[in-house]
Amino acid sequence: MTQMSGAAATAPVPVTSPAAQNMVAAKPSPLPVEATATPKPRDTPRDLRRLTTLVIVASVVFGLAGLATFLLLTSSLQRAESSTAQLIRVQQIQTNLLRADANATNAFLVGGLEPADQRKAYDDAITATSQLIAEAADAEPGDRAALSALNVQLIDYTENIELARANNRQGFPVGAQYLRNASGGLRADAMPILDNLVTANAERAESQMSARIAILFALVGIVVLGLLVWVQVQLARRFRRRFNVGLATAFGIGVVTLIVGLAALGWAAATIGGIRDGSFADVRDAASARIEGNNAKSNESLTLIARGSGSSFEKAWQVSATVVEDRLSRLGRGIDSVWTPYTTVHTEIRTLDDGGQWDKAVALATSRSNDTFDDFDSTLASVVEGASTETTGGLAATVPGMVVGALLTFAAGIAMAVLGRRGLAQRLKEYR
């Protein structure tokens, strides 16, 4: 038993073969276990605060875009009204100058002491012209340089007219030359200045009669409404609720404001377009017809003063008459009927003068021709005045609506910001 116990205690360790030892050594060790990354929890309160800031900023931008759109349109309409008033002044200056010249040349045909009524009409036209030049310079600083040059030409013109009168009263033939110098200088130097001013102010007024700025408001509105929908979707996914009352109300206000605002801007655009193509166009056409009519009347007298060598003046009469007829056809309203009697008398004058009956031609030019032309001129003056009042009044009447639109759209933007913030604040409160 003792031997067996000793044997058991000293039992030999099993011996493994070298091949088995190699297999044990070659057994791969287990791979190290990589640490699993724990996902970072979402900071919901922070995300809600960011969305709140986004909603507030977007809503305020929407309100500011509406405010800017309506205020810019208001400013543009006010500038268009100012430019239209300046255009009317400049065209009135043209009319007055040519009306004065028509009276001066026609009175010259009488010889000796000119008729008192024509002298007064001439003086009134020159006085009104001087006053209008001063008013126009004050109203539009950009026109001052041109108007200053025009004033110099006006002084030269009146000086030549006075020399022509003085010589005509004494029967000196040189008076006719002074008169031609005055009329020629008026058309060569003064009228181009006025033509440029008319073009500049007309283009300025037309460019300001535009509502294209409405596109900006539409684009901003669409972007902001899309952003509010996106925020609503994000909240629905996070909190498992379909609608957020605050955001939904803000969105509804935005939709209504955008629709009403664009409708108001569309109405303004239609109104402005109607003015531009209606009464404003009538102002230009009627004033142009009146200006060229007075130009024709002056050339009629200059043709007779030239005594057989005034073909150039008659050609100028024909050019002016063509312009008058074209402008009257645009106006319609049967106004061309007031021009026809004068052209009929003019044809008689030319027939008499070309037939060697100069005295009879002069007698007709200083009587019936004046009467028919005065009817034409007074009719066109009424048309110009009416169209001018309609244009400036129409532009001014549009301004209050644009101011109200500016205030309402800005208030809507602020309301959207407040409601959107309230809706998101409710979700943040629920989370906490």
Protein backbone atom coordinates (compact mmCIF):
# COMPACT_ATOMS: atom_id res chain seq x y z
CA MET A 1 0.00 0.00 0.00
CA THR A 2 2.87 2.25 0.90
CA GLN A 3 4.57 1.49 -2.35
CA MET A 4 1.43 2.12 -4.26
CA SER A 5 0.94 5.45 -2.60
CA GLY A 6 4.48 6.45 -3.36
CA ALA A 7 4.07 5.37 -6.91
CA ALA A 8 0.93 7.36 -7.22
CA ALA A 9 2.53 10.37 -5.73
CA THR A 10 5.46 10.18 -8.07
CA ALA A 11 3.56 9.24 -11.16
CA PRO A 12 5.43 10.38 -14.25
CA VAL A 13 4.17 13.28 -16.34
CA PRO A 14 2.95 12.16 -19.77
CA VAL A 15 5.45 12.91 -22.42
CA THR A 16 4.18 14.50 -25.59
CA SER A 17 5.80 14.19 -28.91
CA PRO A 18 7.63 17.13 -30.51
CA ALA A 19 4.94 17.33 -33.21
CA ALA A 20 2.24 17.71 -30.62
CA GLN A 21 4.23 20.38 -28.88
CA ASN A 22 4.56 22.26 -32.12
CA MET A 23 0.81 22.07 -32.68
CA VAL A 24 0.17 23.55 -29.26
CA ALA A 25 2.66 26.33 -29.88
CA ALA A 26 1.14 27.06 -33.28
CA LYS A 27 -2.41 27.42 -31.96
CA PRO A 28 -3.38 31.07 -32.47
CA SER A 29 -4.16 33.13 -29.47
CA PRO A 30 -7.65 34.70 -29.33
CA LEU A 31 -7.97 38.22 -30.88
CA PRO A 32 -8.25 41.08 -28.48
CA VAL A 33 -11.81 42.31 -28.03
CA GLU A 34 -12.21 45.83 -29.38
CA ALA A 35 -14.00 48.38 -27.23
CA THR A 36 -17.52 49.15 -28.57
CA ALA A 37 -18.16 52.96 -29.08
CA THR A 38 -21.14 54.21 -27.13
CA PRO A 39 -23.38 56.52 -29.30
CA LYS A 40 -23.45 60.10 -28.03
CA PRO A 41 -26.91 60.99 -26.83
CA ARG A 42 -28.70 63.75 -28.75
CA ASP A 43 -28.96 67.08 -26.98
CA THR A 44 -32.67 67.71 -27.59
CA PRO A 45 -32.92 71.00 -25.67
CA ARG A 46 -30.02 72.40 -27.67
CA ASP A 47 -31.60 71.30 -30.96
CA LEU A 48 -34.89 72.89 -29.95
CA ARG A 49 -33.15 76.16 -29.12
CA ARG A 50 -31.45 76.13 -32.51
CA LEU A 51 -34.73 75.51 -34.29
CA THR A 52 -36.31 78.31 -32.27
CA THR A 53 -33.59 80.73 -33.34
CA LEU A 54 -34.00 79.62 -36.96
CA VAL A 55 -37.77 80.16 -36.89
CA ILE A 56 -37.45 83.60 -35.27
CA VAL A 57 -34.80 84.80 -37.72
CA ALA A 58 -36.68 83.48 -40.76
CA SER A 59 -39.96 85.06 -39.65
CA VAL A 60 -38.33 88.43 -39.00
CA VAL A 61 -36.61 88.26 -42.39
CA PHE A 62 -40.00 87.60 -43.98
CA GLY A 63 -41.46 90.65 -42.25
CA LEU A 64 -38.49 92.82 -43.21
CA ALA A 65 -38.68 91.63 -46.83
CA GLY A 66 -42.32 92.68 -47.00
CA LEU A 67 -41.57 95.99 -45.29
CA ALA A 68 -38.69 96.71 -47.67
CA THR A 69 -40.68 95.69 -50.75
CA PHE A 70 -43.64 97.95 -50.03
CA LEU A 71 -41.51 100.87 -48.85
CA LEU A 72 -39.25 100.67 -51.90
CA LEU A 73 -42.30 100.63 -54.14
CA THR A 74 -43.71 103.62 -52.24
CA SER A 75 -40.46 105.52 -52.70
CA SER A 76 -40.37 104.59 -56.39
CA LEU A 77 -43.92 105.87 -56.90
CA GLN A 78 -43.11 109.13 -55.16
CA ARG A 79 -40.06 109.59 -57.39
CA ALA A 80 -42.18 108.76 -60.45
CA GLU A 81 -44.68 111.42 -59.39
CA SER A 82 -41.85 113.93 -59.00
CA SER A 83 -40.34 113.01 -62.38
CA THR A 84 -43.74 113.29 -64.05
CA ALA A 85 -44.26 116.75 -62.55
CA GLN A 86 -40.81 117.75 -63.83
CA LEU A 87 -41.62 116.40 -67.28
CA ILE A 88 -44.80 118.48 -67.33
CA ARG A 89 -42.82 121.59 -66.35
CA VAL A 90 -40.25 121.06 -69.10
CA GLN A 91 -42.91 120.46 -71.74
CA GLN A 92 -44.72 123.57 -70.56
CA ILE A 93 -41.48 125.53 -70.98
CA GLN A 94 -41.24 124.25 -74.55
CA THR A 95 -44.82 125.18 -75.23
CA ASN A 96 -44.45 128.66 -73.72
CA LEU A 97 -41.33 129.44 -75.73
CA LEU A 98 -42.83 128.37 -79.03
CA ARG A 99 -46.12 130.05 -78.15
CA ALA A 100 -44.21 133.28 -77.46
CA ASP A 101 -42.37 132.90 -80.77
CA ALA A 102 -45.62 132.28 -82.62
CA ASN A 103 -47.08 135.50 -81.18
CA ALA A 104 -43.92 137.50 -81.86
CA THR A 105 -43.62 136.37 -85.50
CA ASN A 106 -47.33 136.81 -86.19
CA ALA A 107 -47.35 140.31 -84.66
CA PHE A 108 -44.35 141.16 -86.84
CA LEU A 109 -46.52 140.66 -89.92
CA VAL A 110 -48.73 143.57 -88.89
CA GLY A 111 -45.86 146.05 -89.08
CA GLY A 112 -45.41 149.15 -86.98
CA LEU A 113 -46.95 148.94 -83.51
CA GLU A 114 -47.89 145.36 -82.79
CA PRO A 115 -51.34 144.39 -81.43
CA ALA A 116 -51.61 144.85 -77.67
CA ASP A 117 -53.13 141.41 -77.05
CA GLN A 118 -50.31 139.62 -78.86
CA ARG A 119 -47.71 141.69 -77.04
CA LYS A 120 -49.30 140.73 -73.73
CA ALA A 121 -49.51 137.06 -74.72
CA TYR A 122 -45.80 137.13 -75.59
CA ASP A 123 -44.84 138.81 -72.30
CA ASP A 124 -46.97 136.38 -70.28
CA ALA A 125 -45.39 133.39 -71.99
CA ILE A 126 -41.84 134.64 -71.37
CA THR A 127 -42.61 135.45 -67.71
CA ALA A 128 -44.15 132.02 -67.16
CA THR A 129 -41.13 130.40 -68.81
CA SER A 130 -38.70 132.16 -66.48
CA GLN A 131 -40.72 131.09 -63.46
CA LEU A 132 -40.94 127.47 -64.65
CA ILE A 133 -37.19 127.31 -65.25
CA ALA A 134 -36.59 128.40 -61.65
CA GLU A 135 -39.16 125.90 -60.32
CA ALA A 136 -37.71 123.06 -62.39
CA ALA A 137 -34.18 123.80 -61.17
CA ASP A 138 -35.37 123.65 -57.56
CA ALA A 139 -37.39 120.48 -58.11
CA GLU A 140 -34.68 118.42 -59.84
CA PRO A 141 -31.03 119.22 -58.98
CA GLY A 142 -29.84 116.95 -61.78
CA ASP A 143 -31.44 119.27 -64.35
CA ARG A 144 -29.94 122.50 -63.02
CA ALA A 145 -26.96 122.68 -65.36
CA ALA A 146 -29.14 122.22 -68.44
CA LEU A 147 -31.72 124.69 -67.17
CA SER A 148 -29.00 127.25 -66.47
CA ALA A 149 -27.83 126.93 -70.09
CA LEU A 150 -31.46 127.26 -71.21
CA ASN A 151 -31.83 130.47 -69.24
CA VAL A 152 -28.88 131.96 -71.13
CA GLN A 153 -30.56 131.03 -74.42
CA LEU A 154 -33.81 132.62 -73.21
CA ILE A 155 -32.01 135.90 -72.54
CA ASP A 156 -30.42 135.87 -76.00
CA TYR A 157 -33.79 135.13 -77.59
CA THR A 158 -35.64 137.96 -75.84
CA GLU A 159 -32.85 140.43 -76.67
CA ASN A 160 -33.08 139.59 -80.39
CA ILE A 161 -36.87 139.84 -80.29
CA GLU A 162 -36.65 143.33 -78.77
CA LEU A 163 -34.21 144.42 -81.48
CA ALA A 164 -36.54 143.01 -84.13
CA ARG A 165 -39.50 144.90 -82.67
CA ALA A 166 -37.62 148.17 -82.38
CA ASN A 167 -36.53 148.04 -86.02
CA ASN A 168 -39.92 146.85 -87.22
CA ARG A 169 -41.70 149.76 -85.55
CA GLN A 170 -39.43 152.12 -87.51
CA GLY A 171 -39.86 150.21 -90.74
CA PHE A 172 -36.25 149.02 -90.97
CA PRO A 173 -35.86 145.75 -92.95
CA VAL A 174 -33.09 144.60 -90.61
CA GLY A 175 -35.81 143.87 -88.08
CA ALA A 176 -36.73 140.74 -90.05
CA GLN A 177 -33.18 139.46 -89.75
CA TYR A 178 -33.18 139.95 -85.99
CA LEU A 179 -36.45 138.04 -85.85
CA ARG A 180 -35.04 135.16 -87.91
CA ASN A 181 -31.96 135.10 -85.68
CA ALA A 182 -34.15 134.91 -82.59
CA SER A 183 -36.35 132.10 -83.95
CA GLY A 184 -33.41 130.23 -85.45
CA GLY A 185 -31.44 130.40 -82.20
CA LEU A 186 -34.47 129.24 -80.24
CA ARG A 187 -34.76 126.09 -82.33
CA ALA A 188 -31.04 125.44 -82.76
CA ASP A 189 -29.89 126.04 -79.18
CA ALA A 190 -32.79 126.11 -76.72
CA MET A 191 -35.03 123.34 -78.08
CA PRO A 192 -32.33 120.62 -78.07
CA ILE A 193 -31.73 121.31 -74.37
CA LEU A 194 -35.44 120.94 -73.69
CA ASP A 195 -35.72 117.83 -75.86
CA ASN A 196 -32.98 116.17 -73.81
CA LEU A 197 -34.67 117.14 -70.56
CA VAL A 198 -38.00 115.78 -71.78
CA THR A 199 -36.39 112.46 -72.75
CA ALA A 200 -34.46 112.14 -69.49
CA ASN A 201 -37.44 112.88 -67.25
CA ALA A 202 -39.81 110.69 -69.28
CA GLU A 203 -37.42 107.73 -69.10
CA ARG A 204 -36.85 108.33 -65.41
CA ALA A 205 -40.58 108.41 -64.71
CA GLU A 206 -41.27 105.27 -66.75
CA SER A 207 -38.47 103.32 -65.07
CA GLN A 208 -39.81 104.28 -61.66
CA MET A 209 -43.32 103.10 -62.58
CA SER A 210 -42.40 99.48 -61.95
CA ALA A 211 -43.34 96.81 -59.39
CA ARG A 212 -40.63 94.27 -60.26
CA ILE A 213 -39.42 94.44 -56.65
CA ALA A 214 -42.36 92.14 -55.79
CA ILE A 215 -40.31 89.17 -57.03
CA LEU A 216 -37.99 89.52 -54.03
CA PHE A 217 -40.89 89.34 -51.58
CA ALA A 218 -42.28 86.26 -53.32
CA LEU A 219 -38.95 84.41 -53.23
CA VAL A 220 -38.29 85.21 -49.57
CA GLY A 221 -41.84 84.21 -48.63
CA ILE A 222 -41.60 80.83 -50.36
CA VAL A 223 -38.25 80.06 -48.71
CA VAL A 224 -39.51 81.00 -45.23
CA LEU A 225 -42.71 78.97 -45.57
CA GLY A 226 -40.68 75.98 -46.76
CA LEU A 227 -38.43 76.33 -43.73
CA LEU A 228 -41.42 76.38 -41.36
CA VAL A 229 -42.69 73.15 -42.93
CA TRP A 230 -39.25 71.56 -42.49
CA VAL A 231 -39.15 72.52 -38.79
CA GLN A 232 -42.65 71.10 -38.33
CA VAL A 233 -41.52 67.80 -39.87
CA GLN A 234 -38.49 67.66 -37.58
CA LEU A 235 -40.66 68.16 -34.51
CA ALA A 236 -43.16 65.54 -35.67
CA ARG A 237 -40.40 62.97 -36.03
CA ARG A 238 -38.84 63.76 -32.66
CA PHE A 239 -41.98 64.05 -30.50
CA ARG A 240 -44.36 61.79 -32.42
CA ARG A 241 -46.91 64.55 -32.81
CA ARG A 242 -48.30 65.54 -36.15
CA PHE A 243 -48.80 69.27 -35.63
CA ASN A 244 -47.33 72.02 -33.52
CA VAL A 245 -50.04 74.63 -32.97
CA GLY A 246 -47.65 77.58 -32.76
CA LEU A 247 -45.76 76.66 -35.92
CA ALA A 248 -48.95 75.76 -37.80
CA THR A 249 -50.47 79.14 -36.91
CA ALA A 250 -47.28 80.95 -37.94
CA PHE A 251 -47.32 79.08 -41.23
CA GLY A 252 -50.97 80.00 -41.82
CA ILE A 253 -50.24 83.68 -41.18
CA GLY A 254 -47.29 83.48 -43.55
CA VAL A 255 -49.39 81.94 -46.32
CA VAL A 256 -52.17 84.51 -45.95
CA THR A 257 -49.70 87.40 -45.79
CA LEU A 258 -47.83 86.21 -48.86
CA ILE A 259 -51.01 85.75 -50.89
CA VAL A 260 -52.54 89.07 -49.83
CA GLY A 261 -49.21 90.89 -50.21
CA LEU A 262 -48.65 89.57 -53.72
CA ALA A 263 -52.24 90.41 -54.62
CA ALA A 264 -51.71 93.98 -53.37
CA LEU A 265 -48.48 94.26 -55.30
CA GLY A 266 -50.20 92.87 -58.38
CA TRP A 267 -52.96 95.46 -58.03
CA ALA A 268 -50.32 98.19 -57.69
CA ALA A 269 -48.48 96.92 -60.77
CA ALA A 270 -51.72 96.90 -62.79
CA THR A 271 -52.63 100.38 -61.59
CA ILE A 272 -49.19 101.77 -62.36
CA GLY A 273 -49.17 100.09 -65.77
CA GLY A 274 -52.56 101.62 -66.53
CA ILE A 275 -51.28 105.07 -65.59
CA ARG A 276 -48.09 104.64 -67.61
CA ASP A 277 -49.92 103.48 -70.73
CA GLY A 278 -52.91 105.76 -70.19
CA SER A 279 -52.82 109.25 -68.71
CA PHE A 280 -49.01 109.46 -68.65
CA ALA A 281 -48.84 108.62 -72.37
CA ASP A 282 -51.60 111.18 -72.98
CA VAL A 283 -49.55 113.85 -71.21
CA ARG A 284 -46.62 113.24 -73.54
CA ASP A 285 -48.71 113.00 -76.71
CA ALA A 286 -50.91 116.03 -75.98
CA ALA A 287 -47.95 118.18 -74.92
CA SER A 288 -45.96 117.11 -77.99
CA ALA A 289 -48.90 117.93 -80.27
CA ARG A 290 -49.28 121.35 -78.66
CA ILE A 291 -45.54 122.08 -78.90
CA GLU A 292 -45.33 121.14 -82.56
CA GLY A 293 -48.56 123.00 -83.29
CA ASN A 294 -47.05 126.23 -81.95
CA ASN A 295 -43.89 125.48 -83.88
CA ALA A 296 -45.96 125.18 -87.05
CA LYS A 297 -47.81 128.43 -86.35
CA SER A 298 -44.51 130.27 -85.93
CA ASN A 299 -43.12 128.83 -89.16
CA GLU A 300 -46.27 129.88 -90.97
CA SER A 301 -45.54 133.52 -90.10
CA LEU A 302 -41.82 133.16 -90.84
CA THR A 303 -42.68 131.86 -94.30
CA LEU A 304 -44.66 135.03 -95.03
CA ILE A 305 -42.00 137.29 -93.49
CA ALA A 306 -39.44 135.78 -95.88
CA ARG A 307 -41.59 137.04 -98.86
CA GLY A 308 -41.14 134.30 -101.41
CA SER A 309 -37.93 132.80 -100.02
CA GLY A 310 -39.40 130.92 -97.07
CA SER A 311 -39.60 127.40 -98.50
CA SER A 312 -37.49 126.05 -95.64
CA PHE A 313 -40.00 127.40 -93.15
CA GLU A 314 -42.89 125.80 -95.03
CA LYS A 315 -41.04 122.47 -95.00
CA ALA A 316 -40.61 122.85 -91.24
CA TRP A 317 -44.36 123.55 -91.02
CA GLN A 318 -45.07 120.28 -92.83
CA VAL A 319 -42.81 118.32 -90.48
CA SER A 320 -44.52 119.80 -87.42
CA ALA A 321 -47.97 119.16 -88.89
CA THR A 322 -47.11 115.49 -89.42
CA VAL A 323 -46.06 115.16 -85.77
CA VAL A 324 -49.24 116.86 -84.60
CA GLU A 325 -51.43 114.54 -86.64
CA ASP A 326 -49.58 111.48 -85.35
CA ARG A 327 -49.91 112.52 -81.71
CA LEU A 328 -53.57 113.41 -82.11
CA SER A 329 -54.27 110.02 -83.65
CA ARG A 330 -52.77 108.40 -80.53
CA LEU A 331 -54.93 110.51 -78.26
CA GLY A 332 -58.14 109.72 -80.12
CA ARG A 333 -61.24 111.29 -78.55
CA GLY A 334 -61.91 113.20 -81.78
CA ILE A 335 -59.38 115.87 -80.84
CA ASP A 336 -57.98 115.89 -84.37
CA SER A 337 -61.11 117.82 -85.36
CA VAL A 338 -59.70 120.96 -83.71
CA TRP A 339 -56.56 120.78 -85.87
CA THR A 340 -58.30 120.43 -89.21
CA PRO A 341 -59.80 123.96 -89.33
CA TYR A 342 -56.39 125.49 -88.81
CA THR A 343 -54.73 123.36 -91.52
CA THR A 344 -57.53 124.33 -93.91
CA VAL A 345 -56.82 128.03 -93.33
CA HIS A 346 -53.11 127.41 -93.71
CA THR A 347 -53.71 125.82 -97.10
CA GLU A 348 -55.62 128.94 -98.16
CA ILE A 349 -52.74 131.14 -96.95
CA ARG A 350 -50.24 129.19 -98.99
CA THR A 351 -52.46 129.35 -102.05
CA LEU A 352 -52.74 133.14 -101.76
CA ASP A 353 -49.05 133.66 -101.11
CA ASP A 354 -47.94 131.34 -103.90
CA GLY A 355 -50.39 133.13 -106.22
CA GLY A 356 -48.76 136.50 -105.56
CA GLN A 357 -51.43 137.77 -103.18
CA TRP A 358 -49.13 138.33 -100.22
CA ASP A 359 -51.24 141.03 -98.56
CA LYS A 360 -54.34 138.83 -98.55
CA ALA A 361 -52.27 135.93 -97.20
CA VAL A 362 -50.99 138.12 -94.36
CA ALA A 363 -54.49 139.34 -93.59
CA LEU A 364 -55.70 135.74 -93.32
CA ALA A 365 -52.67 134.70 -91.24
CA THR A 366 -53.31 137.47 -88.72
CA SER A 367 -57.04 136.90 -88.37
CA ARG A 368 -58.83 133.62 -89.11
CA SER A 369 -55.66 131.57 -88.84
CA ASN A 370 -55.12 132.90 -85.31
CA ASP A 371 -58.70 132.15 -84.30
CA THR A 372 -58.63 128.54 -85.49
CA PHE A 373 -55.21 127.96 -83.99
CA ASP A 374 -56.25 129.40 -80.63
CA ASP A 375 -59.10 126.88 -80.52
CA PHE A 376 -56.63 124.07 -81.13
CA ASP A 377 -54.13 125.37 -78.57
CA SER A 378 -56.69 125.89 -75.80
CA THR A 379 -58.17 122.42 -76.37
CA LEU A 380 -54.75 120.77 -76.13
CA ALA A 381 -53.92 122.82 -73.05
CA SER A 382 -57.02 121.39 -71.34
CA VAL A 383 -56.09 117.85 -72.36
CA VAL A 384 -52.55 118.25 -71.00
CA GLU A 385 -53.83 119.65 -67.72
CA GLY A 386 -56.40 116.89 -67.28
CA ALA A 387 -53.97 114.08 -68.13
CA SER A 388 -51.31 115.59 -65.86
CA THR A 389 -53.71 115.76 -62.92
CA GLU A 390 -54.86 112.19 -63.56
CA THR A 391 -51.28 110.90 -63.69
CA THR A 392 -49.95 112.57 -60.57
CA GLY A 393 -53.21 111.92 -58.70
CA GLY A 394 -53.22 108.25 -59.65
CA LEU A 395 -49.63 107.74 -58.49
CA ALA A 396 -50.28 109.58 -55.24
CA ALA A 397 -53.44 107.53 -54.57
CA THR A 398 -51.44 104.28 -54.75
CA VAL A 399 -48.96 105.31 -52.06
CA PRO A 400 -51.19 104.94 -48.93
CA GLY A 401 -52.02 101.34 -49.82
CA MET A 402 -48.32 100.53 -50.13
CA VAL A 403 -47.58 102.05 -46.71
CA VAL A 404 -50.34 99.97 -45.11
CA GLY A 405 -48.98 96.88 -46.86
CA ALA A 406 -45.51 97.57 -45.48
CA LEU A 407 -46.77 97.83 -41.90
CA LEU A 408 -49.01 94.76 -42.12
CA THR A 409 -46.37 92.47 -43.62
CA PHE A 410 -43.84 93.51 -40.99
CA ALA A 411 -46.39 92.92 -38.22
CA ALA A 412 -47.16 89.51 -39.73
CA GLY A 413 -43.46 88.60 -39.64
CA ILE A 414 -43.21 89.54 -35.96
CA ALA A 415 -46.38 87.55 -35.17
CA MET A 416 -44.94 84.52 -36.96
CA ALA A 417 -41.74 84.79 -34.91
CA VAL A 418 -43.68 85.00 -31.62
CA LEU A 419 -45.99 82.10 -32.44
CA GLY A 420 -43.17 79.93 -33.76
CA ARG A 421 -41.14 80.52 -30.61
CA ARG A 422 -44.15 79.74 -28.43
CA GLY A 423 -44.74 76.45 -30.24
CA LEU A 424 -41.15 75.33 -29.84
CA ALA A 425 -41.05 76.50 -26.23
CA GLN A 426 -43.99 74.20 -25.51
CA ARG A 427 -42.07 71.22 -26.86
CA LEU A 428 -39.03 72.18 -24.79
CA LYS A 429 -41.20 72.44 -21.67
CA GLU A 430 -42.69 69.00 -22.33
CA TYR A 431 -39.25 67.50 -22.74
CA ARG A 432 -38.01 68.85 -19.44
